Amino acid sequence: IFFQCLFFDIFTQDVPSHMKFADIELHIKDDAASIIKERMKKLTASAKFFEGLKNKYLLHAPIIQRVFKEQQVPLEFVFLPIMESSLNPMAVSSSNAVGYWQFKKESGAELGLRIDDNIDERKNIVSSSIAACKYLKRSNALLDNWVLSCQSYNVGLGGTKRSVDNSLFGTKQMTISSATHEYVVKYLAYILLFQNLQIETTPSINLLEFADGKNMTLDEIASKAELNVEDLKPHN
């Protein structure tokens, strides 16, 4: 009953005319609000699908949030892997981007991820989240605008710089309209849907980091942690 009430509240919530994204005040025009609302409706059209996304987010949120706090990247970005991969470590895009944060092999390696026949850290929530922070911080160092840095995650730094007015670099106020890049507009729907879930519900399982696994096999880690190895495989 609780989830049905929560689901109904989310489905019927309005898109605000103003919201914060990191240190930027956003003014959301009606045409952008319609796009955001439509994405929210699609995400919540199936209660089963949305509950699955919600549970995966709640499972991974403590780790992602911890990484982003340590890396000093705004927490508004912690919902990005929901949009990128539905938090599926095995996700592979049509352009061969892989994992939680959907890195291509070259970009992932350039950001410090190990990607070889034995290990693919794009599928590791800690390593890939650190790489995402590196990318976002590098973009923001040049754009001085976290919203544009979000856009750059989709179209690249060069593509973002070519497509936006220079007056947006360093601004603390932005108008979001249908002319704003679609990736940014749709991502606001994820922020609105997921930003309060961690304080309203509790996941049925917890995802913990095992810090002493160097040179150990997954079977050895499972034995030491007193867990079933089959339960560990999807997260490792």
C-alpha atoms as a PDB file:
ATOM      1  CA  ILE A   1       0.000   0.000   0.000  1.00  0.00           C
ATOM      2  CA  PHE A   2       2.855   2.376   0.848  1.00  0.00           C
ATOM      3  CA  PHE A   3       4.491   1.869  -2.534  1.00  0.00           C
ATOM      4  CA  GLN A   4       1.197   2.391  -4.350  1.00  0.00           C
ATOM      5  CA  CYS A   5       0.750   5.728  -2.539  1.00  0.00           C
ATOM      6  CA  LEU A   6       4.343   6.745  -3.266  1.00  0.00           C
ATOM      7  CA  PHE A   7       3.950   5.718  -6.899  1.00  0.00           C
ATOM      8  CA  PHE A   8       0.758   7.761  -7.231  1.00  0.00           C
ATOM      9  CA  ASP A   9       2.408  10.831  -5.671  1.00  0.00           C
ATOM     10  CA  ILE A  10       5.370  10.607  -8.052  1.00  0.00           C
ATOM     11  CA  PHE A  11       3.166  10.069 -11.069  1.00  0.00           C
ATOM     12  CA  THR A  12       1.059  13.123 -10.319  1.00  0.00           C
ATOM     13  CA  GLN A  13       3.755  15.500  -9.046  1.00  0.00           C
ATOM     14  CA  ASP A  14       4.211  18.765 -10.891  1.00  0.00           C
ATOM     15  CA  VAL A  15       7.453  19.919 -12.462  1.00  0.00           C
ATOM     16  CA  PRO A  16       8.619  22.990 -10.532  1.00  0.00           C
ATOM     17  CA  SER A  17       9.191  26.266 -12.336  1.00  0.00           C
ATOM     18  CA  HIS A  18      12.472  26.689 -10.442  1.00  0.00           C
ATOM     19  CA  MET A  19      15.012  24.195  -9.103  1.00  0.00           C
ATOM     20  CA  LYS A  20      18.680  24.085  -8.175  1.00  0.00           C
ATOM     21  CA  PHE A  21      21.292  22.113 -10.079  1.00  0.00           C
ATOM     22  CA  ALA A  22      24.498  22.259  -8.047  1.00  0.00           C
ATOM     23  CA  ASP A  23      25.181  26.001  -7.691  1.00  0.00           C
ATOM     24  CA  ILE A  24      22.935  27.037 -10.589  1.00  0.00           C
ATOM     25  CA  GLU A  25      19.364  28.290 -10.303  1.00  0.00           C
ATOM     26  CA  LEU A  26      17.232  26.849 -13.101  1.00  0.00           C
ATOM     27  CA  HIS A  27      14.128  28.518 -14.472  1.00  0.00           C
ATOM     28  CA  ILE A  28      12.087  25.814 -16.217  1.00  0.00           C
ATOM     29  CA  LYS A  29       9.826  27.039 -18.976  1.00  0.00           C
ATOM     30  CA  ASP A  30       6.542  25.310 -19.775  1.00  0.00           C
ATOM     31  CA  ASP A  31       7.801  23.643 -22.956  1.00  0.00           C
ATOM     32  CA  ALA A  32      10.689  22.024 -21.056  1.00  0.00           C
ATOM     33  CA  ALA A  33       8.361  21.097 -18.184  1.00  0.00           C
ATOM     34  CA  SER A  34       6.218  19.164 -20.669  1.00  0.00           C
ATOM     35  CA  ILE A  35       9.243  17.165 -21.832  1.00  0.00           C
ATOM     36  CA  ILE A  36      10.260  16.454 -18.239  1.00  0.00           C
ATOM     37  CA  LYS A  37       6.735  15.415 -17.318  1.00  0.00           C
ATOM     38  CA  GLU A  38       6.540  13.077 -20.289  1.00  0.00           C
ATOM     39  CA  ARG A  39       9.775  11.368 -19.288  1.00  0.00           C
ATOM     40  CA  MET A  40       8.515  11.005 -15.728  1.00  0.00           C
ATOM     41  CA  LYS A  41       5.322   9.398 -17.009  1.00  0.00           C
ATOM     42  CA  LYS A  42       7.287   6.910 -19.130  1.00  0.00           C
ATOM     43  CA  LEU A  43       9.497   5.949 -16.200  1.00  0.00           C
ATOM     44  CA  THR A  44       6.520   5.419 -13.897  1.00  0.00           C
ATOM     45  CA  ALA A  45       4.104   3.896 -16.422  1.00  0.00           C
ATOM     46  CA  SER A  46       4.898   0.444 -15.039  1.00  0.00           C
ATOM     47  CA  ALA A  47       4.907   0.177 -11.257  1.00  0.00           C
ATOM     48  CA  LYS A  48       7.035  -2.982 -11.469  1.00  0.00           C
ATOM     49  CA  PHE A  49       9.636  -1.333 -13.718  1.00  0.00           C
ATOM     50  CA  PHE A  50       9.889   1.780 -11.576  1.00  0.00           C
ATOM     51  CA  GLU A  51      10.133  -0.219  -8.356  1.00  0.00           C
ATOM     52  CA  GLY A  52      13.027  -2.153  -9.931  1.00  0.00           C
ATOM     53  CA  LEU A  53      14.846   1.091 -10.773  1.00  0.00           C
ATOM     54  CA  LYS A  54      14.110   2.449  -7.321  1.00  0.00           C
ATOM     55  CA  ASN A  55      15.503  -0.629  -5.583  1.00  0.00           C
ATOM     56  CA  LYS A  56      18.648  -0.646  -7.708  1.00  0.00           C
ATOM     57  CA  TYR A  57      19.225   3.013  -6.960  1.00  0.00           C
ATOM     58  CA  LEU A  58      18.728   2.501  -3.225  1.00  0.00           C
ATOM     59  CA  LEU A  59      21.175  -0.407  -3.344  1.00  0.00           C
ATOM     60  CA  HIS A  60      23.923   1.570  -5.069  1.00  0.00           C
ATOM     61  CA  ALA A  61      23.227   5.066  -3.707  1.00  0.00           C
ATOM     62  CA  PRO A  62      25.390   4.875  -0.552  1.00  0.00           C
ATOM     63  CA  ILE A  63      28.474   3.967  -2.587  1.00  0.00           C
ATOM     64  CA  ILE A  64      27.848   6.441  -5.403  1.00  0.00           C
ATOM     65  CA  GLN A  65      27.111   9.254  -2.969  1.00  0.00           C
ATOM     66  CA  ARG A  66      30.228   8.463  -0.937  1.00  0.00           C
ATOM     67  CA  VAL A  67      32.412   8.591  -4.064  1.00  0.00           C
ATOM     68  CA  PHE A  68      30.886  11.870  -5.242  1.00  0.00           C
ATOM     69  CA  LYS A  69      31.326  13.494  -1.837  1.00  0.00           C
ATOM     70  CA  GLU A  70      34.957  12.390  -1.708  1.00  0.00           C
ATOM     71  CA  GLN A  71      35.540  13.638  -5.252  1.00  0.00           C
ATOM     72  CA  GLN A  72      33.690  16.910  -4.508  1.00  0.00           C
ATOM     73  CA  VAL A  73      31.263  16.561  -7.397  1.00  0.00           C
ATOM     74  CA  PRO A  74      27.646  17.751  -6.912  1.00  0.00           C
ATOM     75  CA  LEU A  75      25.268  15.033  -5.752  1.00  0.00           C
ATOM     76  CA  GLU A  76      22.817  16.042  -8.486  1.00  0.00           C
ATOM     77  CA  PHE A  77      24.842  13.709 -10.715  1.00  0.00           C
ATOM     78  CA  VAL A  78      24.350  10.536  -8.662  1.00  0.00           C
ATOM     79  CA  PHE A  79      21.199   9.687 -10.648  1.00  0.00           C
ATOM     80  CA  LEU A  80      23.003   9.802 -13.997  1.00  0.00           C
ATOM     81  CA  PRO A  81      23.780   6.042 -14.155  1.00  0.00           C
ATOM     82  CA  ILE A  82      20.046   5.374 -13.814  1.00  0.00           C
ATOM     83  CA  MET A  83      19.511   7.196 -17.095  1.00  0.00           C
ATOM     84  CA  GLU A  84      22.679   5.830 -18.682  1.00  0.00           C
ATOM     85  CA  SER A  85      22.343   2.131 -17.867  1.00  0.00           C
ATOM     86  CA  SER A  86      19.393   1.588 -15.497  1.00  0.00           C
ATOM     87  CA  LEU A  87      22.223   0.738 -13.059  1.00  0.00           C
ATOM     88  CA  ASN A  88      22.955  -2.467 -14.961  1.00  0.00           C
ATOM     89  CA  PRO A  89      26.698  -3.242 -14.822  1.00  0.00           C
ATOM     90  CA  MET A  90      26.373  -5.505 -17.878  1.00  0.00           C
ATOM     91  CA  ALA A  91      24.663  -2.882 -20.064  1.00  0.00           C
ATOM     92  CA  VAL A  92      26.187  -2.462 -23.531  1.00  0.00           C
ATOM     93  CA  SER A  93      25.062   0.299 -25.885  1.00  0.00           C
ATOM     94  CA  SER A  94      24.884   0.198 -29.682  1.00  0.00           C
ATOM     95  CA  SER A  95      28.186   2.126 -29.706  1.00  0.00           C
ATOM     96  CA  ASN A  96      29.824  -0.431 -27.370  1.00  0.00           C
ATOM     97  CA  ALA A  97      29.708   1.750 -24.279  1.00  0.00           C
ATOM     98  CA  VAL A  98      29.707  -0.556 -21.251  1.00  0.00           C
ATOM     99  CA  GLY A  99      28.710  -0.631 -17.627  1.00  0.00           C
ATOM    100  CA  TYR A 100      27.059   1.600 -15.074  1.00  0.00           C
ATOM    101  CA  TRP A 101      28.310   4.875 -16.542  1.00  0.00           C
ATOM    102  CA  GLN A 102      28.470   3.713 -20.165  1.00  0.00           C
ATOM    103  CA  PHE A 103      32.124   4.328 -20.980  1.00  0.00           C
ATOM    104  CA  LYS A 104      33.623   3.320 -24.285  1.00  0.00           C
ATOM    105  CA  LYS A 105      36.852   1.351 -23.982  1.00  0.00           C
ATOM    106  CA  GLU A 106      39.128   4.232 -25.018  1.00  0.00           C
ATOM    107  CA  SER A 107      37.515   6.875 -22.810  1.00  0.00           C
ATOM    108  CA  GLY A 108      37.307   4.517 -19.845  1.00  0.00           C
ATOM    109  CA  ALA A 109      40.998   3.628 -20.108  1.00  0.00           C
ATOM    110  CA  GLU A 110      41.907   7.294 -20.483  1.00  0.00           C
ATOM    111  CA  LEU A 111      40.080   7.994 -17.216  1.00  0.00           C
ATOM    112  CA  GLY A 112      42.081   5.328 -15.409  1.00  0.00           C
ATOM    113  CA  LEU A 113      39.862   2.264 -15.663  1.00  0.00           C
ATOM    114  CA  ARG A 114      41.377  -1.153 -16.192  1.00  0.00           C
ATOM    115  CA  ILE A 115      39.760  -2.747 -19.239  1.00  0.00           C
ATOM    116  CA  ASP A 116      41.262  -6.022 -20.477  1.00  0.00           C
ATOM    117  CA  ASP A 117      40.388  -9.683 -20.975  1.00  0.00           C
ATOM    118  CA  ASN A 118      40.351 -10.314 -17.215  1.00  0.00           C
ATOM    119  CA  ILE A 119      39.007  -7.127 -15.659  1.00  0.00           C
ATOM    120  CA  ASP A 120      36.570  -4.490 -16.890  1.00  0.00           C
ATOM    121  CA  GLU A 121      36.227  -1.768 -14.274  1.00  0.00           C
ATOM    122  CA  ARG A 122      33.399  -0.152 -16.207  1.00  0.00           C
ATOM    123  CA  LYS A 123      31.305  -2.824 -14.484  1.00  0.00           C
ATOM    124  CA  ASN A 124      32.584  -1.876 -11.033  1.00  0.00           C
ATOM    125  CA  ILE A 125      30.411   0.717  -9.308  1.00  0.00           C
ATOM    126  CA  VAL A 126      33.266   2.262  -7.301  1.00  0.00           C
ATOM    127  CA  SER A 127      35.882   2.478 -10.049  1.00  0.00           C
ATOM    128  CA  SER A 128      33.444   3.631 -12.724  1.00  0.00           C
ATOM    129  CA  SER A 129      31.915   6.260 -10.427  1.00  0.00           C
ATOM    130  CA  ILE A 130      35.371   7.671  -9.724  1.00  0.00           C
ATOM    131  CA  ALA A 131      35.994   7.809 -13.489  1.00  0.00           C
ATOM    132  CA  ALA A 132      32.670   9.612 -14.012  1.00  0.00           C
ATOM    133  CA  CYS A 133      33.699  12.170 -11.394  1.00  0.00           C
ATOM    134  CA  LYS A 134      37.002  12.704 -13.181  1.00  0.00           C
ATOM    135  CA  TYR A 135      35.183  13.321 -16.442  1.00  0.00           C
ATOM    136  CA  LEU A 136      32.663  15.724 -14.936  1.00  0.00           C
ATOM    137  CA  LYS A 137      35.298  17.681 -13.015  1.00  0.00           C
ATOM    138  CA  ARG A 138      37.467  17.974 -16.116  1.00  0.00           C
ATOM    139  CA  SER A 139      34.524  19.283 -18.123  1.00  0.00           C
ATOM    140  CA  ASN A 140      33.504  21.717 -15.424  1.00  0.00           C
ATOM    141  CA  ALA A 141      37.055  23.059 -15.122  1.00  0.00           C
ATOM    142  CA  LEU A 142      36.655  24.333 -18.697  1.00  0.00           C
ATOM    143  CA  LEU A 143      32.923  25.105 -18.816  1.00  0.00           C
ATOM    144  CA  ASP A 144      32.464  26.408 -15.255  1.00  0.00           C
ATOM    145  CA  ASN A 145      28.859  25.250 -15.439  1.00  0.00           C
ATOM    146  CA  TRP A 146      27.689  21.927 -13.990  1.00  0.00           C
ATOM    147  CA  VAL A 147      24.598  21.837 -16.230  1.00  0.00           C
ATOM    148  CA  LEU A 148      26.773  22.111 -19.323  1.00  0.00           C
ATOM    149  CA  SER A 149      29.076  19.500 -17.818  1.00  0.00           C
ATOM    150  CA  CYS A 150      26.043  17.219 -17.680  1.00  0.00           C
ATOM    151  CA  GLN A 151      25.441  17.901 -21.363  1.00  0.00           C
ATOM    152  CA  SER A 152      29.088  17.134 -22.120  1.00  0.00           C
ATOM    153  CA  TYR A 153      28.637  13.663 -20.647  1.00  0.00           C
ATOM    154  CA  ASN A 154      26.384  12.908 -23.607  1.00  0.00           C
ATOM    155  CA  VAL A 155      27.889  14.887 -26.496  1.00  0.00           C
ATOM    156  CA  GLY A 156      31.446  15.464 -25.335  1.00  0.00           C
ATOM    157  CA  LEU A 157      33.280  18.569 -24.249  1.00  0.00           C
ATOM    158  CA  GLY A 158      33.963  19.776 -27.771  1.00  0.00           C
ATOM    159  CA  GLY A 159      30.387  19.255 -28.879  1.00  0.00           C
ATOM    160  CA  THR A 160      29.099  21.165 -25.872  1.00  0.00           C
ATOM    161  CA  LYS A 161      31.451  24.119 -26.371  1.00  0.00           C
ATOM    162  CA  ARG A 162      30.435  24.387 -30.024  1.00  0.00           C
ATOM    163  CA  SER A 163      26.700  24.265 -29.352  1.00  0.00           C
ATOM    164  CA  VAL A 164      26.192  26.713 -26.463  1.00  0.00           C
ATOM    165  CA  ASP A 165      26.584  30.454 -26.026  1.00  0.00           C
ATOM    166  CA  ASN A 166      29.778  31.502 -24.281  1.00  0.00           C
ATOM    167  CA  SER A 167      27.706  33.629 -21.899  1.00  0.00           C
ATOM    168  CA  LEU A 168      26.612  30.409 -20.177  1.00  0.00           C
ATOM    169  CA  PHE A 169      30.149  29.651 -19.014  1.00  0.00           C
ATOM    170  CA  GLY A 170      30.272  30.524 -15.330  1.00  0.00           C
ATOM    171  CA  THR A 171      26.633  31.586 -15.063  1.00  0.00           C
ATOM    172  CA  LYS A 172      24.651  30.910 -11.890  1.00  0.00           C
ATOM    173  CA  GLN A 173      21.240  31.152 -13.563  1.00  0.00           C
ATOM    174  CA  MET A 174      19.918  29.287 -16.579  1.00  0.00           C
ATOM    175  CA  THR A 175      16.626  29.063 -18.415  1.00  0.00           C
ATOM    176  CA  ILE A 176      15.687  25.499 -19.345  1.00  0.00           C
ATOM    177  CA  SER A 177      13.465  25.318 -22.428  1.00  0.00           C
ATOM    178  CA  SER A 178      12.816  22.951 -25.311  1.00  0.00           C
ATOM    179  CA  ALA A 179      15.889  24.532 -26.933  1.00  0.00           C
ATOM    180  CA  THR A 180      18.083  23.201 -24.109  1.00  0.00           C
ATOM    181  CA  HIS A 181      19.872  19.984 -24.993  1.00  0.00           C
ATOM    182  CA  GLU A 182      17.471  17.055 -24.676  1.00  0.00           C
ATOM    183  CA  TYR A 183      19.871  15.078 -22.477  1.00  0.00           C
ATOM    184  CA  VAL A 184      19.841  17.796 -19.822  1.00  0.00           C
ATOM    185  CA  VAL A 185      16.077  18.318 -19.959  1.00  0.00           C
ATOM    186  CA  LYS A 186      15.305  14.623 -19.621  1.00  0.00           C
ATOM    187  CA  TYR A 187      17.861  14.176 -16.856  1.00  0.00           C
ATOM    188  CA  LEU A 188      15.960  16.659 -14.709  1.00  0.00           C
ATOM    189  CA  ALA A 189      13.121  14.105 -14.661  1.00  0.00           C
ATOM    190  CA  TYR A 190      15.443  11.584 -13.002  1.00  0.00           C
ATOM    191  CA  ILE A 191      16.482  14.099 -10.365  1.00  0.00           C
ATOM    192  CA  LEU A 192      12.862  14.896  -9.547  1.00  0.00           C
ATOM    193  CA  LEU A 193      11.851  11.235  -9.389  1.00  0.00           C
ATOM    194  CA  PHE A 194      14.743   9.844  -7.360  1.00  0.00           C
ATOM    195  CA  GLN A 195      16.123  12.638  -5.195  1.00  0.00           C
ATOM    196  CA  ASN A 196      13.994  11.826  -2.129  1.00  0.00           C
ATOM    197  CA  LEU A 197      13.683   8.054  -2.376  1.00  0.00           C
ATOM    198  CA  GLN A 198      16.615   7.243  -0.103  1.00  0.00           C
ATOM    199  CA  ILE A 199      14.858   8.775   2.888  1.00  0.00           C
ATOM    200  CA  GLU A 200      11.479   7.184   2.179  1.00  0.00           C
ATOM    201  CA  THR A 201      12.305   3.540   1.624  1.00  0.00           C
ATOM    202  CA  THR A 202      14.945   0.972   2.596  1.00  0.00           C
ATOM    203  CA  PRO A 203      16.490  -1.618   0.244  1.00  0.00           C
ATOM    204  CA  SER A 204      15.988  -5.289   1.029  1.00  0.00           C
ATOM    205  CA  ILE A 205      19.738  -5.950   0.642  1.00  0.00           C
ATOM    206  CA  ASN A 206      22.891  -3.882   1.114  1.00  0.00           C
ATOM    207  CA  LEU A 207      25.838  -3.527  -1.261  1.00  0.00           C
ATOM    208  CA  LEU A 208      29.088  -3.344   0.705  1.00  0.00           C
ATOM    209  CA  GLU A 209      32.671  -2.737  -0.382  1.00  0.00           C
ATOM    210  CA  PHE A 210      35.253  -5.450   0.332  1.00  0.00           C
ATOM    211  CA  ALA A 211      38.609  -3.719   0.704  1.00  0.00           C
ATOM    212  CA  ASP A 212      40.881  -6.740   1.186  1.00  0.00           C
ATOM    213  CA  GLY A 213      40.300  -8.587  -2.072  1.00  0.00           C
ATOM    214  CA  LYS A 214      43.644  -7.961  -3.781  1.00  0.00           C
ATOM    215  CA  ASN A 215      44.997 -11.150  -5.416  1.00  0.00           C
ATOM    216  CA  MET A 216      41.960 -13.103  -4.200  1.00  0.00           C
ATOM    217  CA  THR A 217      39.522 -14.955  -6.420  1.00  0.00           C
ATOM    218  CA  LEU A 218      35.797 -14.276  -6.161  1.00  0.00           C
ATOM    219  CA  ASP A 219      35.370 -17.727  -4.593  1.00  0.00           C
ATOM    220  CA  GLU A 220      37.931 -16.838  -1.928  1.00  0.00           C
ATOM    221  CA  ILE A 221      36.256 -13.500  -1.241  1.00  0.00           C
ATOM    222  CA  ALA A 222      32.858 -15.182  -0.981  1.00  0.00           C
ATOM    223  CA  SER A 223      34.268 -17.708   1.477  1.00  0.00           C
ATOM    224  CA  LYS A 224      35.902 -15.019   3.629  1.00  0.00           C
ATOM    225  CA  ALA A 225      32.761 -12.890   3.599  1.00  0.00           C
ATOM    226  CA  GLU A 226      30.593 -15.965   4.265  1.00  0.00           C
ATOM    227  CA  LEU A 227      28.471 -15.299   1.199  1.00  0.00           C
ATOM    228  CA  ASN A 228      27.320 -17.292  -1.804  1.00  0.00           C
ATOM    229  CA  VAL A 229      29.598 -16.641  -4.768  1.00  0.00           C
ATOM    230  CA  GLU A 230      26.592 -16.609  -7.107  1.00  0.00           C
ATOM    231  CA  ASP A 231      25.220 -13.634  -5.168  1.00  0.00           C
ATOM    232  CA  LEU A 232      28.472 -11.742  -5.645  1.00  0.00           C
ATOM    233  CA  LYS A 233      28.938 -12.261  -9.385  1.00  0.00           C
ATOM    234  CA  PRO A 234      26.341  -9.710 -10.642  1.00  0.00           C
ATOM    235  CA  HIS A 235      28.117  -6.933  -8.699  1.00  0.00           C
ATOM    236  CA  ASN A 236      31.709  -7.920  -9.496  1.00  0.00           C
END
